[in-house]
Amino acid sequence: MKFIPFDFSDFCRHRKHPDKGKPVSVCDDFPPNIPPPETNTTLTLCVDQNGCCNFTTVQAAVDAVPNLSMKRSIIWINTGIYYEKVIIPKTKPNITFQGQGYTSTAIAWNDTANSANGTFYSGSVQVFSTNFIAKNMSFMNVAPLPRPGDVGAQAVAIRIAGDQAAFWGCGFYGAQDTLHDDRGRHYFKDCYIQGSIDFIFGNGKSLYEDCQLISMANQVAPGSKSINGAVTAHGRASADEDSGFAFVNCSIGGTGRIWLGRAWRPYSRVVFALTSMTDIIAPEGWNDFNDPSRDQYVAEATIILITILSEIFR
């Protein structure tokens, strides 16, 4: 298991050799059927950094989606890294981000808890609407990697706070607190998620299926028992909350020495099933945030998994 970098060569669009006397445009190779005509059920908006579409930024396309539209608004995003902070408000449901591949299409920003006045506000992309979908693209926070003990260095790549969101073939790149699975029911399929400390956190009710979870925690000396990272930090605060993370058919690898999760809140729920793990996982598996009372809920694991799988999109 290893870090999968972006293929920056993909960002240089192939340009045709000019015919004699004919001007060359960067848009010559642009797909002729993008965007397709509007239908009764879908609206497609097109984003391209070079001006070959209606919009050059993702946020401008989001802003153009009609409020409270019942149509599926597909925002087709061409290859490139879009350096911008994107917010999808509650008034913009049913939006799809359609990228061209998670190693070649990305939205990136560099806020931290310090610069954004809180971890929750640091996300490069923040989704508050319902029925959001993303396909074949990445979400990145490119803030500098935090040093041990840094305060306010949490840097979220995406915050998902709307119900019934789905991510297919997406990448999530960051370090501490990469993916804020805040609240609501969410589904992740064939995704690549990279981070170091609590890099999947929040109080969502979410299923992760066939995903790669890659630790970028610092290397530790051979034989060291020092722990310097954690995959998850779930935030279930009471026994009445119906939330939890389930990982099925996933894989965990990378660097450092890490826990599967830390019990961020007293009733944290995280389950791993049929998941392969390398020896970077500490033998004890979990950390109780120095509160032994949080250990008692580990026994719920098998019941929780069945519940999440059966109810996540009921």
Protein backbone atom coordinates (compact mmCIF):
# COMPACT_ATOMS: atom_id res chain seq x y z
CA MET A 1 0.00 0.00 0.00
CA LYS A 2 1.48 3.36 -0.95
CA PHE A 3 0.75 6.99 -1.64
CA ILE A 4 -0.94 7.54 -5.00
CA PRO A 5 0.18 10.90 -6.41
CA PHE A 6 -1.67 13.04 -8.88
CA ASP A 7 -0.66 12.61 -12.51
CA PHE A 8 0.13 16.22 -13.28
CA SER A 9 0.87 15.34 -16.92
CA ASP A 10 -2.87 14.87 -17.36
CA PHE A 11 -3.37 18.57 -16.72
CA CYS A 12 -1.60 19.45 -19.97
CA ARG A 13 -4.29 18.91 -22.53
CA HIS A 14 -3.12 17.49 -25.84
CA ARG A 15 -3.00 20.16 -28.50
CA LYS A 16 -3.40 19.40 -32.16
CA HIS A 17 -0.71 20.35 -34.64
CA PRO A 18 -1.92 23.47 -36.44
CA ASP A 19 -3.04 23.24 -40.03
CA LYS A 20 -1.33 25.79 -42.20
CA GLY A 21 -3.07 29.11 -41.85
CA LYS A 22 -5.54 27.80 -39.21
CA PRO A 23 -5.41 29.19 -35.62
CA VAL A 24 -5.00 26.71 -32.77
CA SER A 25 -7.29 26.83 -29.73
CA VAL A 26 -6.82 25.11 -26.39
CA CYS A 27 -10.47 24.10 -26.77
CA ASP A 28 -9.97 22.22 -30.06
CA ASP A 29 -9.99 18.83 -28.33
CA PHE A 30 -12.87 19.62 -25.99
CA PRO A 31 -15.68 17.01 -26.01
CA PRO A 32 -18.32 18.26 -28.48
CA ASN A 33 -21.30 16.98 -26.45
CA ILE A 34 -20.47 18.81 -23.21
CA PRO A 35 -22.72 20.11 -21.80
CA PRO A 36 -25.68 18.10 -23.11
CA PRO A 37 -29.10 19.73 -23.49
CA GLU A 38 -31.23 20.25 -20.41
CA THR A 39 -33.93 17.62 -19.84
CA ASN A 40 -36.97 17.32 -17.60
CA THR A 41 -34.84 15.64 -14.93
CA THR A 42 -31.27 16.90 -15.41
CA LEU A 43 -29.35 20.12 -15.90
CA THR A 44 -25.65 19.97 -16.81
CA LEU A 45 -23.22 22.80 -16.15
CA CYS A 46 -19.66 22.70 -17.45
CA VAL A 47 -16.47 23.87 -15.69
CA ASP A 48 -13.12 24.31 -17.44
CA GLN A 49 -10.14 26.39 -16.30
CA ASN A 50 -9.29 27.41 -19.86
CA GLY A 51 -12.65 28.95 -20.66
CA CYS A 52 -13.95 26.14 -22.87
CA CYS A 53 -17.14 25.94 -20.76
CA ASN A 54 -19.75 28.19 -19.23
CA PHE A 55 -17.73 28.45 -16.01
CA THR A 56 -14.07 28.58 -15.02
CA THR A 57 -14.64 27.87 -11.31
CA VAL A 58 -16.65 25.21 -9.52
CA GLN A 59 -18.21 27.69 -7.10
CA ALA A 60 -19.58 29.77 -9.98
CA ALA A 61 -21.30 26.66 -11.34
CA VAL A 62 -22.73 25.83 -7.91
CA ASP A 63 -24.04 29.39 -7.59
CA ALA A 64 -25.80 29.02 -10.96
CA VAL A 65 -27.80 25.98 -9.85
CA PRO A 66 -31.41 27.04 -9.20
CA ASN A 67 -32.39 27.10 -5.54
CA LEU A 68 -34.42 24.13 -4.29
CA SER A 69 -34.38 22.53 -7.75
CA MET A 70 -35.85 19.02 -7.96
CA LYS A 71 -33.69 18.28 -11.00
CA ARG A 72 -30.33 16.54 -10.77
CA SER A 73 -27.80 19.31 -11.50
CA ILE A 74 -24.65 17.71 -12.91
CA ILE A 75 -21.55 19.89 -12.68
CA TRP A 76 -19.11 18.43 -15.22
CA ILE A 77 -15.58 19.39 -14.15
CA ASN A 78 -12.75 19.10 -16.66
CA THR A 79 -9.25 17.88 -15.80
CA GLY A 80 -7.27 20.18 -13.53
CA ILE A 81 -6.71 21.30 -9.95
CA TYR A 82 -9.24 24.00 -9.05
CA TYR A 83 -7.70 26.15 -6.32
CA GLU A 84 -10.80 27.50 -4.62
CA LYS A 85 -12.96 27.05 -1.56
CA VAL A 86 -16.37 25.62 -2.49
CA ILE A 87 -19.54 25.75 -0.39
CA ILE A 88 -22.80 24.02 -1.33
CA PRO A 89 -25.60 25.50 0.81
CA LYS A 90 -28.76 23.73 1.96
CA THR A 91 -30.69 25.52 -0.80
CA LYS A 92 -28.83 23.57 -3.53
CA PRO A 93 -29.91 19.91 -3.26
CA ASN A 94 -29.41 17.18 -5.89
CA ILE A 95 -25.99 18.30 -7.17
CA THR A 96 -23.48 15.93 -8.79
CA PHE A 97 -19.77 16.75 -9.23
CA GLN A 98 -18.53 14.73 -12.22
CA GLY A 99 -14.73 14.70 -12.52
CA GLN A 100 -12.46 13.05 -15.07
CA GLY A 101 -10.57 10.81 -12.65
CA TYR A 102 -9.53 11.16 -9.03
CA THR A 103 -5.83 11.47 -9.93
CA SER A 104 -6.43 14.24 -12.45
CA THR A 105 -9.41 16.34 -11.27
CA ALA A 106 -9.42 18.02 -7.86
CA ILE A 107 -10.63 20.91 -5.76
CA ALA A 108 -7.95 22.14 -3.38
CA TRP A 109 -7.54 24.82 -0.71
CA ASN A 110 -5.27 25.35 2.29
CA ASP A 111 -7.32 26.53 5.27
CA THR A 112 -6.54 25.25 8.76
CA ALA A 113 -8.39 25.44 12.06
CA ASN A 114 -6.30 28.53 12.80
CA SER A 115 -6.99 30.35 9.53
CA ALA A 116 -10.68 29.39 9.36
CA ASN A 117 -11.52 30.01 13.03
CA GLY A 118 -12.22 26.35 13.67
CA THR A 119 -11.66 22.88 12.25
CA PHE A 120 -15.27 22.58 11.06
CA TYR A 121 -14.85 25.63 8.80
CA SER A 122 -11.50 24.65 7.28
CA GLY A 123 -12.88 22.33 4.59
CA SER A 124 -11.81 23.01 1.02
CA VAL A 125 -15.30 21.82 0.07
CA GLN A 126 -18.28 22.06 2.43
CA VAL A 127 -21.54 20.30 1.57
CA PHE A 128 -24.68 21.22 3.50
CA SER A 129 -27.29 20.16 0.91
CA THR A 130 -29.04 16.80 0.57
CA ASN A 131 -28.52 14.19 -2.15
CA PHE A 132 -25.02 15.31 -3.10
CA ILE A 133 -23.00 12.97 -5.36
CA ALA A 134 -19.35 13.12 -6.43
CA LYS A 135 -17.73 10.87 -9.02
CA ASN A 136 -14.15 10.41 -10.21
CA MET A 137 -12.50 13.41 -8.60
CA SER A 138 -10.55 14.43 -5.50
CA PHE A 139 -10.87 16.81 -2.60
CA MET A 140 -7.62 18.17 -1.17
CA ASN A 141 -6.38 20.29 1.67
CA VAL A 142 -2.84 21.36 0.79
CA ALA A 143 -1.97 23.08 4.08
CA PRO A 144 1.53 22.16 5.32
CA LEU A 145 1.78 18.87 7.18
CA PRO A 146 1.48 19.54 10.92
CA ARG A 147 4.40 18.90 13.22
CA PRO A 148 3.87 16.90 16.43
CA GLY A 149 2.12 19.08 18.97
CA ASP A 150 1.04 21.78 16.50
CA VAL A 151 -2.10 23.61 17.68
CA GLY A 152 -4.75 24.60 15.18
CA ALA A 153 -3.18 22.65 12.31
CA GLN A 154 -6.28 20.56 11.55
CA ALA A 155 -7.02 20.93 7.84
CA VAL A 156 -10.17 19.42 6.35
CA ALA A 157 -10.41 18.47 2.67
CA ILE A 158 -14.20 18.08 2.66
CA ARG A 159 -17.02 18.43 5.17
CA ILE A 160 -20.21 16.47 4.43
CA ALA A 161 -23.08 17.75 6.54
CA GLY A 162 -26.03 16.91 4.27
CA ASP A 163 -28.06 13.71 4.23
CA GLN A 164 -27.78 10.94 1.60
CA ALA A 165 -24.47 11.85 0.00
CA ALA A 166 -22.54 9.37 -2.17
CA PHE A 167 -18.95 9.30 -3.42
CA TRP A 168 -17.85 6.98 -6.23
CA GLY A 169 -14.20 6.62 -7.18
CA CYS A 170 -13.15 9.74 -5.28
CA GLY A 171 -9.92 10.75 -3.54
CA PHE A 172 -9.52 12.62 -0.25
CA TYR A 173 -6.07 14.10 0.43
CA GLY A 174 -4.88 15.74 3.63
CA ALA A 175 -3.19 15.07 6.97
CA GLN A 176 -4.99 15.74 10.26
CA ASP A 177 -8.81 15.57 9.91
CA THR A 178 -8.88 14.99 6.13
CA LEU A 179 -12.48 13.82 5.75
CA HIS A 180 -15.11 15.40 7.99
CA ASP A 181 -18.00 12.92 7.82
CA ASP A 182 -20.02 15.35 9.87
CA ARG A 183 -23.63 14.15 9.97
CA GLY A 184 -26.20 12.36 7.82
CA ARG A 185 -26.18 9.11 5.84
CA HIS A 186 -23.27 8.75 3.43
CA TYR A 187 -21.88 6.10 1.10
CA PHE A 188 -18.29 5.80 -0.15
CA LYS A 189 -17.41 3.30 -2.88
CA ASP A 190 -13.95 2.62 -4.36
CA CYS A 191 -12.48 5.72 -2.72
CA TYR A 192 -8.91 6.61 -1.74
CA ILE A 193 -8.62 8.36 1.64
CA GLN A 194 -5.26 9.66 2.87
CA GLY A 195 -4.30 11.29 6.14
CA SER A 196 -2.43 10.98 9.42
CA ILE A 197 -4.40 11.82 12.59
CA ASP A 198 -8.16 11.14 12.85
CA PHE A 199 -8.32 11.44 9.09
CA ILE A 200 -11.92 10.21 8.94
CA PHE A 201 -13.91 11.94 11.68
CA GLY A 202 -17.39 13.18 12.53
CA ASN A 203 -20.77 11.85 13.57
CA GLY A 204 -22.04 10.51 10.24
CA LYS A 205 -23.88 7.25 9.66
CA SER A 206 -21.74 6.02 6.81
CA LEU A 207 -20.71 2.94 4.86
CA TYR A 208 -17.25 2.75 3.29
CA GLU A 209 -17.01 -0.09 0.77
CA ASP A 210 -13.92 -1.21 -1.18
CA CYS A 211 -11.96 1.86 -0.09
CA GLN A 212 -8.21 2.36 0.45
CA LEU A 213 -7.28 4.05 3.75
CA ILE A 214 -3.71 5.30 3.61
CA SER A 215 -1.80 6.61 6.63
CA MET A 216 0.77 9.32 5.95
CA ALA A 217 1.86 9.47 9.60
CA ASN A 218 5.59 9.88 10.15
CA GLN A 219 7.74 6.77 9.99
CA VAL A 220 8.61 5.30 13.38
CA ALA A 221 11.81 3.57 14.38
CA PRO A 222 11.75 -0.23 13.97
CA GLY A 223 10.34 -1.82 17.10
CA SER A 224 8.99 1.48 18.41
CA LYS A 225 5.71 1.39 20.33
CA SER A 226 5.06 5.09 19.78
CA ILE A 227 1.68 5.83 18.17
CA ASN A 228 1.52 8.82 15.84
CA GLY A 229 -1.79 8.54 14.01
CA ALA A 230 -5.35 7.20 13.88
CA VAL A 231 -7.67 6.32 11.01
CA THR A 232 -10.95 7.38 12.62
CA ALA A 233 -12.44 9.56 15.34
CA HIS A 234 -16.17 9.06 15.55
CA GLY A 235 -18.31 11.64 17.35
CA ARG A 236 -21.41 9.83 18.66
CA ALA A 237 -22.17 11.70 21.88
CA SER A 238 -25.13 9.73 23.32
CA ALA A 239 -26.64 6.26 23.23
CA ASP A 240 -29.70 7.70 21.48
CA GLU A 241 -27.79 8.81 18.40
CA ASP A 242 -28.15 6.56 15.35
CA SER A 243 -24.72 7.00 13.79
CA GLY A 244 -21.48 5.14 13.13
CA PHE A 245 -18.83 4.30 10.54
CA ALA A 246 -18.75 0.86 8.87
CA PHE A 247 -15.81 -0.20 6.68
CA VAL A 248 -16.39 -3.28 4.51
CA ASN A 249 -13.90 -4.90 2.11
CA CYS A 250 -11.46 -2.03 2.63
CA SER A 251 -7.68 -1.98 3.04
CA ILE A 252 -5.44 -0.05 5.42
CA GLY A 253 -1.79 0.68 4.76
CA GLY A 254 0.79 3.43 4.52
CA THR A 255 3.32 4.64 7.06
CA GLY A 256 3.65 5.31 10.80
CA ARG A 257 2.14 3.38 13.68
CA ILE A 258 -1.54 4.10 14.11
CA TRP A 259 -4.75 3.15 15.86
CA LEU A 260 -7.86 2.06 13.99
CA GLY A 261 -9.65 4.82 15.83
CA ARG A 262 -9.93 7.13 18.81
CA ALA A 263 -13.16 7.49 20.78
CA TRP A 264 -13.62 11.19 20.13
CA ARG A 265 -17.01 11.18 21.88
CA PRO A 266 -18.25 8.85 24.69
CA TYR A 267 -20.36 6.60 22.43
CA SER A 268 -18.13 6.46 19.33
CA ARG A 269 -19.01 3.69 16.85
CA VAL A 270 -16.62 2.32 14.23
CA VAL A 271 -16.66 -1.17 12.69
CA PHE A 272 -14.19 -2.80 10.30
CA ALA A 273 -15.33 -5.97 8.50
CA LEU A 274 -13.49 -8.05 5.90
CA THR A 275 -10.76 -5.41 5.85
CA SER A 276 -7.05 -6.08 5.29
CA MET A 277 -4.57 -4.24 7.50
CA THR A 278 -0.79 -3.99 7.41
CA ASP A 279 1.41 -4.06 10.49
CA ILE A 280 1.22 -0.28 10.91
CA ILE A 281 -1.88 -0.90 13.07
CA ALA A 282 -1.00 -0.95 16.77
CA PRO A 283 -1.91 -4.31 18.39
CA GLU A 284 -4.31 -2.70 20.88
CA GLY A 285 -6.27 -1.31 17.94
CA TRP A 286 -8.17 1.49 19.65
CA ASN A 287 -7.63 4.50 21.89
CA ASP A 288 -10.21 5.65 24.43
CA PHE A 289 -9.12 9.32 24.57
CA ASN A 290 -7.90 8.64 28.11
CA ASP A 291 -11.43 7.80 29.26
CA PRO A 292 -11.73 4.06 30.10
CA SER A 293 -15.53 4.32 30.29
CA ARG A 294 -15.55 4.60 26.50
CA ASP A 295 -14.10 1.10 26.11
CA GLN A 296 -17.36 -0.68 26.98
CA TYR A 297 -18.99 0.04 23.62
CA VAL A 298 -16.50 -2.03 21.61
CA ALA A 299 -18.68 -5.09 22.29
CA GLU A 300 -21.48 -3.60 20.20
CA ALA A 301 -19.50 -4.06 16.98
CA THR A 302 -21.32 -6.92 15.28
CA ILE A 303 -24.78 -5.52 16.04
CA ILE A 304 -23.75 -2.06 14.83
CA LEU A 305 -22.45 -3.41 11.52
CA ILE A 306 -25.70 -5.20 10.76
CA THR A 307 -27.70 -2.11 11.68
CA ILE A 308 -25.64 0.27 9.53
CA LEU A 309 -25.66 -2.03 6.50
CA SER A 310 -29.42 -2.52 6.65
CA GLU A 311 -30.48 1.03 7.45
CA ILE A 312 -27.99 3.42 5.87
CA PHE A 313 -30.20 4.11 2.85
CA ARG A 314 -33.55 2.79 4.02
